[in-house]
Amino acid sequence: MKLAIVLFNLGGPDSVEAIEPFLFNLFNDKAIIGAPQPIRWMLARYISSKRAPVAAEIYDHLGGKSPLLKLTKDQGEALKTSVAKEMGEAVEVETFISMRYWYPMSEDCAAKVKEYEPDHIVLLPLYPQFSTTTSESSINEWHHAAKKAGISAKTTTVCCYPTNEGFISAVTDNLRSQIEEATYMGKPRILFSAHGLPKKIIEKGDPYQWQVEQSALAVVEKLNMPNLDWWVTYQSRVGPLEWIGPNTEDEIIRAGQEKRPLIIVPIAFVSEHSETLVELDIEYKELALSQGVPLYLRSPAVATHPFFIDGLRDLVINHISIEKEVLPEGHEKICPHKHTRCICKG
């Protein structure tokens, strides 16, 4: 059997010149701005042109481009090796990358998958927690590109894995030593920080916030440390809309007022990129120290941590044999019924 694993991620500009078109692609996605065309196109042009100079300053810290593609390739290679080792010679496996807002995007990826001629395709978002704004947008775009490319191979989708054993074990493993270090400065506070969303998206049934909370709870339970001080917070808030909270910046300020050492855990990011390397490592660290936080530590993203890669491997292998097209880990619906935008078919 020839197996194709398609990894979904956000994408990021590969040059200074790519920053504005990358932002345009982001804001022209109807999952991000729900206005009809051509209004959405005009809004995307306006917002991307206004935000490009600010984004350029952010990417200047990263050498003028995003590291996300290289890091995703590293994850793909590690996953390919792990799956091939586990399944043996009976399966030929290849990983492909489908970025949502910059190259290689879905059409580029679909062309390569078509050329590979797989017997089975597993779609794997590198978003442990499902959202209509991330995983669903990527899945929908892939199916459009796959149809255009004439891909007919059986395709199954991992829609989410917020409490996957490998993912949770990797986060926990990265965190333990930092808790020990922070304890020398007092009782540490842990902020599980995830990218925020406008509150109206959650109110329409998006399960993202609930799944983020399940991930954080699973890490805390695995740590098994009594009286742990932990919070789930949300970062990257922009625009006039009300966003879900509490806000990570507000909680950093509160920790400073209480003189608590802080550990920030990027619970929804599996790779380093601008929101970890700049927002968390530079901007939020400067805020924390200016507010009197005695120690600021940031847990690394799980990246190619062996536990995480093994968790992804198990997800892929377990999704080869399923009959339904879209299922989470465990092959049963996990979201409470109020989360009506869940796409799980369990």
Protein backbone atom coordinates (compact mmCIF):
# COMPACT_ATOMS: atom_id res chain seq x y z
CA MET A 1 0.00 0.00 0.00
CA LYS A 2 1.17 3.51 -0.79
CA LEU A 3 0.23 5.91 2.00
CA ALA A 4 0.23 9.71 1.70
CA ILE A 5 0.12 11.76 4.89
CA VAL A 6 -0.90 15.37 4.28
CA LEU A 7 0.11 17.75 7.06
CA PHE A 8 -1.89 20.97 7.39
CA ASN A 9 -0.46 24.13 8.89
CA LEU A 10 -0.92 27.88 8.71
CA GLY A 11 2.06 28.77 6.56
CA GLY A 12 4.16 31.90 6.82
CA PRO A 13 5.94 34.40 4.58
CA ASP A 14 9.23 33.17 3.13
CA SER A 15 10.53 36.69 2.46
CA VAL A 16 9.84 40.31 3.38
CA GLU A 17 8.04 40.72 0.04
CA ALA A 18 5.70 37.85 0.91
CA ILE A 19 4.42 39.39 4.15
CA GLU A 20 1.59 41.48 2.69
CA PRO A 21 0.29 38.82 0.25
CA PHE A 22 0.45 36.26 3.07
CA LEU A 23 -1.70 38.53 5.22
CA PHE A 24 -4.08 39.11 2.30
CA ASN A 25 -4.57 35.36 1.87
CA LEU A 26 -5.27 35.08 5.60
CA PHE A 27 -7.90 37.80 5.75
CA ASN A 28 -9.46 36.79 2.42
CA ASP A 29 -10.41 33.42 3.94
CA LYS A 30 -14.15 33.33 4.64
CA ALA A 31 -13.41 31.34 7.81
CA ILE A 32 -11.54 34.41 9.12
CA ILE A 33 -13.73 37.21 7.72
CA GLY A 34 -17.22 36.03 6.95
CA ALA A 35 -18.26 38.95 4.74
CA PRO A 36 -19.33 38.06 1.18
CA GLN A 37 -17.20 38.86 -1.84
CA PRO A 38 -16.19 41.40 -3.06
CA ILE A 39 -16.47 43.02 0.37
CA ARG A 40 -14.16 40.42 1.93
CA TRP A 41 -11.57 41.02 -0.80
CA MET A 42 -11.62 44.76 -0.17
CA LEU A 43 -11.38 44.30 3.59
CA ALA A 44 -8.50 41.86 3.15
CA ARG A 45 -6.64 44.33 0.93
CA TYR A 46 -7.13 47.15 3.42
CA ILE A 47 -6.22 45.15 6.55
CA SER A 48 -3.20 43.45 4.99
CA SER A 49 -1.78 46.76 3.75
CA LYS A 50 -2.24 48.33 7.20
CA ARG A 51 -0.80 45.38 9.12
CA ALA A 52 2.12 44.62 6.80
CA PRO A 53 4.52 47.21 8.34
CA VAL A 54 3.83 45.91 11.85
CA ALA A 55 4.23 42.32 10.69
CA ALA A 56 7.50 43.25 8.96
CA GLU A 57 8.88 44.44 12.31
CA ILE A 58 7.88 41.12 13.86
CA TYR A 59 9.49 39.05 11.11
CA ASP A 60 12.60 41.21 11.28
CA HIS A 61 13.34 39.41 14.56
CA LEU A 62 13.23 36.14 12.58
CA GLY A 63 15.47 37.16 9.71
CA GLY A 64 12.64 38.48 7.55
CA LYS A 65 10.76 35.21 7.16
CA SER A 66 8.82 32.55 9.04
CA PRO A 67 10.59 29.37 10.20
CA LEU A 68 7.35 27.40 10.02
CA LEU A 69 7.89 25.62 6.70
CA LYS A 70 11.30 24.23 7.67
CA LEU A 71 10.02 23.11 11.06
CA THR A 72 6.97 21.46 9.48
CA LYS A 73 9.25 19.64 7.02
CA ASP A 74 11.25 18.38 10.01
CA GLN A 75 8.04 17.08 11.59
CA GLY A 76 7.04 15.44 8.32
CA GLU A 77 10.36 13.64 7.98
CA ALA A 78 10.25 12.46 11.59
CA LEU A 79 6.67 11.22 11.15
CA LYS A 80 7.50 9.44 7.90
CA THR A 81 10.37 7.60 9.58
CA SER A 82 8.23 6.64 12.57
CA VAL A 83 5.30 5.35 10.48
CA ALA A 84 7.59 3.41 8.12
CA LYS A 85 9.39 1.78 11.04
CA GLU A 86 6.13 0.79 12.70
CA MET A 87 4.36 -0.53 9.58
CA GLY A 88 7.32 -2.19 7.88
CA GLU A 89 7.76 -3.08 4.22
CA ALA A 90 4.04 -3.63 3.63
CA VAL A 91 3.53 0.13 3.39
CA GLU A 92 5.33 2.79 1.36
CA VAL A 93 4.79 6.13 3.07
CA GLU A 94 5.39 9.76 2.13
CA THR A 95 4.50 13.00 3.89
CA PHE A 96 3.29 16.14 2.12
CA ILE A 97 2.81 19.68 3.41
CA SER A 98 -0.26 21.78 2.69
CA MET A 99 -0.04 25.31 4.05
CA ARG A 100 -3.15 27.45 4.18
CA TYR A 101 -1.93 30.98 3.48
CA TRP A 102 1.50 30.68 1.86
CA TYR A 103 3.40 28.19 -0.22
CA PRO A 104 3.27 25.25 -0.56
CA MET A 105 -0.52 25.65 -0.49
CA SER A 106 -3.23 23.08 -1.18
CA GLU A 107 -2.97 23.15 -4.98
CA ASP A 108 0.81 22.69 -4.84
CA CYS A 109 0.43 19.84 -2.39
CA ALA A 110 -2.40 18.15 -4.31
CA ALA A 111 -0.31 18.11 -7.49
CA LYS A 112 2.50 16.28 -5.66
CA VAL A 113 0.09 13.82 -4.04
CA LYS A 114 -1.52 13.12 -7.43
CA GLU A 115 1.91 12.36 -8.89
CA TYR A 116 2.68 10.02 -5.98
CA GLU A 117 -0.48 7.96 -6.76
CA PRO A 118 -1.29 6.81 -3.22
CA ASP A 119 -3.78 4.10 -2.32
CA HIS A 120 -4.77 5.93 0.85
CA ILE A 121 -4.48 9.52 2.08
CA VAL A 122 -4.60 10.58 5.73
CA LEU A 123 -5.20 14.28 6.35
CA LEU A 124 -3.53 15.41 9.58
CA PRO A 125 -3.90 19.00 10.80
CA LEU A 126 -1.00 20.17 12.95
CA TYR A 127 -3.63 21.78 15.13
CA PRO A 128 -4.39 19.46 18.08
CA GLN A 129 -7.54 21.45 18.85
CA PHE A 130 -10.14 21.80 16.09
CA SER A 131 -11.46 25.17 14.98
CA THR A 132 -13.49 26.27 12.00
CA THR A 133 -10.83 28.96 11.48
CA THR A 134 -7.90 26.54 11.23
CA SER A 135 -8.47 22.82 10.69
CA GLU A 136 -11.82 23.09 8.93
CA SER A 137 -10.58 25.85 6.64
CA SER A 138 -7.56 23.73 5.67
CA ILE A 139 -9.64 20.58 5.19
CA ASN A 140 -12.15 22.36 2.95
CA GLU A 141 -9.40 23.95 0.87
CA TRP A 142 -7.68 20.58 0.47
CA HIS A 143 -10.81 18.85 -0.80
CA HIS A 144 -11.32 21.62 -3.36
CA ALA A 145 -7.71 21.26 -4.55
CA ALA A 146 -7.84 17.45 -4.53
CA LYS A 147 -10.98 17.44 -6.68
CA LYS A 148 -9.38 19.86 -9.11
CA ALA A 149 -6.28 17.64 -9.30
CA GLY A 150 -8.37 14.54 -9.94
CA ILE A 151 -7.36 12.71 -6.77
CA SER A 152 -9.62 9.70 -6.14
CA ALA A 153 -7.73 7.76 -3.44
CA LYS A 154 -9.56 6.89 -0.24
CA THR A 155 -9.09 9.78 2.18
CA THR A 156 -9.59 9.84 5.94
CA THR A 157 -9.18 12.85 8.20
CA VAL A 158 -7.97 13.28 11.76
CA CYS A 159 -10.10 16.25 12.78
CA CYS A 160 -8.60 16.77 16.26
CA TYR A 161 -6.53 15.20 19.02
CA PRO A 162 -6.56 17.58 22.03
CA THR A 163 -5.73 14.87 24.58
CA ASN A 164 -3.54 12.62 22.43
CA GLU A 165 -1.17 10.73 24.71
CA GLY A 166 1.92 11.61 22.70
CA PHE A 167 1.03 15.30 22.47
CA ILE A 168 0.21 15.57 26.18
CA SER A 169 3.31 13.60 27.18
CA ALA A 170 5.55 15.86 25.09
CA VAL A 171 4.07 19.04 26.59
CA THR A 172 4.39 17.58 30.09
CA ASP A 173 7.97 16.46 29.52
CA ASN A 174 8.97 19.94 28.32
CA LEU A 175 7.27 21.52 31.32
CA ARG A 176 8.54 19.45 34.27
CA SER A 177 12.08 20.82 34.38
CA GLN A 178 10.80 24.38 34.12
CA ILE A 179 8.50 23.91 37.08
CA GLU A 180 11.48 22.69 39.09
CA GLU A 181 13.54 25.73 38.04
CA ALA A 182 10.76 28.22 38.73
CA THR A 183 10.07 26.80 42.19
CA TYR A 184 13.35 28.28 43.44
CA MET A 185 11.80 31.73 42.90
CA GLY A 186 8.52 30.95 44.66
CA LYS A 187 5.33 29.12 43.77
CA PRO A 188 5.15 29.26 39.97
CA ARG A 189 2.07 30.10 37.97
CA ILE A 190 1.56 28.26 34.69
CA LEU A 191 -0.26 29.97 31.84
CA PHE A 192 -1.38 27.61 29.08
CA SER A 193 -1.51 30.20 26.32
CA ALA A 194 -3.39 29.57 23.08
CA HIS A 195 -4.23 31.79 20.13
CA GLY A 196 -7.46 33.62 20.89
CA LEU A 197 -10.61 33.87 18.80
CA PRO A 198 -13.47 36.36 18.67
CA LYS A 199 -16.10 35.33 21.19
CA LYS A 200 -18.80 35.25 18.51
CA ILE A 201 -17.05 32.34 16.76
CA ILE A 202 -17.21 30.24 19.93
CA GLU A 203 -20.83 31.28 20.51
CA LYS A 204 -21.68 29.92 17.05
CA GLY A 205 -20.59 26.45 18.14
CA ASP A 206 -16.83 26.31 17.47
CA PRO A 207 -15.32 23.75 19.91
CA TYR A 208 -11.83 25.28 19.99
CA GLN A 209 -11.95 26.83 23.46
CA TRP A 210 -13.38 23.67 25.03
CA GLN A 211 -10.71 21.53 23.38
CA VAL A 212 -7.89 23.87 24.49
CA GLU A 213 -9.15 23.56 28.04
CA GLN A 214 -9.19 19.77 27.72
CA SER A 215 -5.56 19.81 26.57
CA ALA A 216 -4.46 21.93 29.52
CA LEU A 217 -6.39 19.77 31.97
CA ALA A 218 -4.80 16.62 30.55
CA VAL A 219 -1.31 18.08 31.06
CA VAL A 220 -2.12 19.06 34.64
CA GLU A 221 -3.46 15.59 35.38
CA LYS A 222 -0.34 13.98 33.88
CA LEU A 223 1.95 16.24 35.93
CA ASN A 224 0.16 14.98 39.05
CA MET A 225 1.49 17.81 41.22
CA PRO A 226 -0.74 18.90 44.12
CA ASN A 227 -1.87 22.52 44.42
CA LEU A 228 -0.59 23.50 40.98
CA ASP A 229 -1.42 27.10 40.07
CA TRP A 230 -2.48 27.05 36.42
CA TRP A 231 -4.67 29.02 34.03
CA VAL A 232 -5.75 28.77 30.41
CA THR A 233 -5.23 32.11 28.67
CA TYR A 234 -5.50 33.48 25.13
CA GLN A 235 -3.06 35.64 23.19
CA SER A 236 -2.78 37.61 19.93
CA ARG A 237 -5.97 39.62 20.37
CA VAL A 238 -6.51 42.21 17.62
CA GLY A 239 -9.38 44.38 16.41
CA PRO A 240 -12.50 45.78 18.05
CA LEU A 241 -14.42 42.53 18.63
CA GLU A 242 -14.72 40.90 22.05
CA TRP A 243 -12.35 37.93 22.27
CA ILE A 244 -12.36 34.88 24.51
CA GLY A 245 -10.36 35.20 27.70
CA PRO A 246 -8.70 35.59 30.02
CA ASN A 247 -6.12 37.48 28.03
CA THR A 248 -2.53 36.30 28.43
CA GLU A 249 -1.19 39.84 28.81
CA ASP A 250 -3.65 40.61 31.60
CA GLU A 251 -2.62 37.47 33.48
CA ILE A 252 1.07 38.36 33.09
CA ILE A 253 0.36 41.74 34.69
CA ARG A 254 -1.53 40.06 37.54
CA ALA A 255 1.36 37.67 38.12
CA GLY A 256 3.67 40.67 38.36
CA GLN A 257 1.45 42.30 40.95
CA GLU A 258 1.54 39.08 42.98
CA LYS A 259 5.31 38.58 42.39
CA ARG A 260 4.80 35.09 41.00
CA PRO A 261 7.32 33.31 38.75
CA LEU A 262 5.68 32.52 35.41
CA ILE A 263 5.85 29.63 32.99
CA ILE A 264 4.14 30.14 29.63
CA VAL A 265 3.11 26.97 27.79
CA PRO A 266 2.09 27.32 24.10
CA ILE A 267 -0.65 24.70 24.38
CA ALA A 268 -2.10 25.16 20.87
CA PHE A 269 1.13 25.67 18.89
CA VAL A 270 3.14 22.57 17.94
CA SER A 271 5.90 24.51 16.12
CA GLU A 272 7.88 27.65 16.82
CA HIS A 273 6.82 30.68 14.79
CA SER A 274 6.23 34.40 15.23
CA GLU A 275 3.67 34.01 18.00
CA THR A 276 6.06 31.98 20.14
CA LEU A 277 9.47 33.37 19.14
CA VAL A 278 8.43 37.03 19.12
CA GLU A 279 5.13 37.48 20.95
CA LEU A 280 5.89 35.09 23.82
CA ASP A 281 9.69 35.23 23.93
CA ILE A 282 10.22 38.95 23.39
CA GLU A 283 7.06 41.03 23.81
CA TYR A 284 5.46 39.15 26.68
CA LYS A 285 8.79 38.62 28.43
CA GLU A 286 9.45 42.37 28.33
CA LEU A 287 5.96 42.97 29.72
CA ALA A 288 6.48 40.41 32.49
CA LEU A 289 9.80 41.84 33.64
CA SER A 290 8.48 45.40 33.52
CA GLN A 291 5.54 44.35 35.73
CA GLY A 292 7.72 42.75 38.40
CA VAL A 293 7.49 39.07 37.47
CA PRO A 294 10.58 37.59 39.22
CA LEU A 295 11.14 34.84 36.63
CA TYR A 296 9.69 34.33 33.14
CA LEU A 297 10.09 30.97 31.43
CA ARG A 298 8.55 29.76 28.18
CA SER A 299 8.09 26.08 27.50
CA PRO A 300 9.16 25.07 23.97
CA ALA A 301 6.68 23.87 21.36
CA VAL A 302 6.53 20.09 21.01
CA ALA A 303 8.10 20.23 17.51
CA THR A 304 9.78 16.86 16.83
CA HIS A 305 9.69 15.65 20.42
CA PRO A 306 9.70 11.83 20.17
CA PHE A 307 6.54 11.53 22.27
CA PHE A 308 4.68 13.91 19.94
CA ILE A 309 5.88 12.21 16.76
CA ASP A 310 4.88 8.82 18.18
CA GLY A 311 1.46 10.26 18.98
CA LEU A 312 1.03 11.49 15.40
CA ARG A 313 2.20 8.10 14.10
CA ASP A 314 -0.47 6.31 16.12
CA LEU A 315 -3.13 8.74 14.88
CA VAL A 316 -2.18 8.06 11.26
CA ILE A 317 -2.05 4.27 11.61
CA ASN A 318 -5.36 4.15 13.48
CA HIS A 319 -7.04 6.24 10.76
CA ILE A 320 -6.03 3.99 7.88
CA SER A 321 -8.65 1.37 8.65
CA ILE A 322 -11.65 3.57 9.49
CA GLU A 323 -14.63 3.69 7.17
CA LYS A 324 -15.92 7.16 8.01
CA GLU A 325 -14.24 10.12 6.37
CA VAL A 326 -13.71 12.43 9.38
CA LEU A 327 -13.06 11.25 12.93
CA PRO A 328 -11.10 12.44 15.96
CA GLU A 329 -8.68 10.31 17.91
CA GLY A 330 -10.53 7.32 19.36
CA HIS A 331 -12.98 7.32 16.41
CA GLU A 332 -15.81 8.71 18.54
CA LYS A 333 -17.20 12.22 18.81
CA ILE A 334 -15.67 13.99 21.81
CA CYS A 335 -17.23 17.46 21.72
CA PRO A 336 -20.34 18.22 23.80
CA HIS A 337 -23.46 18.65 21.68
CA LYS A 338 -23.50 22.44 22.11
CA HIS A 339 -20.44 22.64 19.86
CA THR A 340 -22.45 22.39 16.68
CA ARG A 341 -19.59 23.39 14.37
CA CYS A 342 -17.66 20.22 15.16
CA ILE A 343 -17.18 18.29 11.88
CA CYS A 344 -16.58 14.91 13.51
CA LYS A 345 -18.67 12.13 11.99
CA GLY A 346 -18.38 9.85 15.02
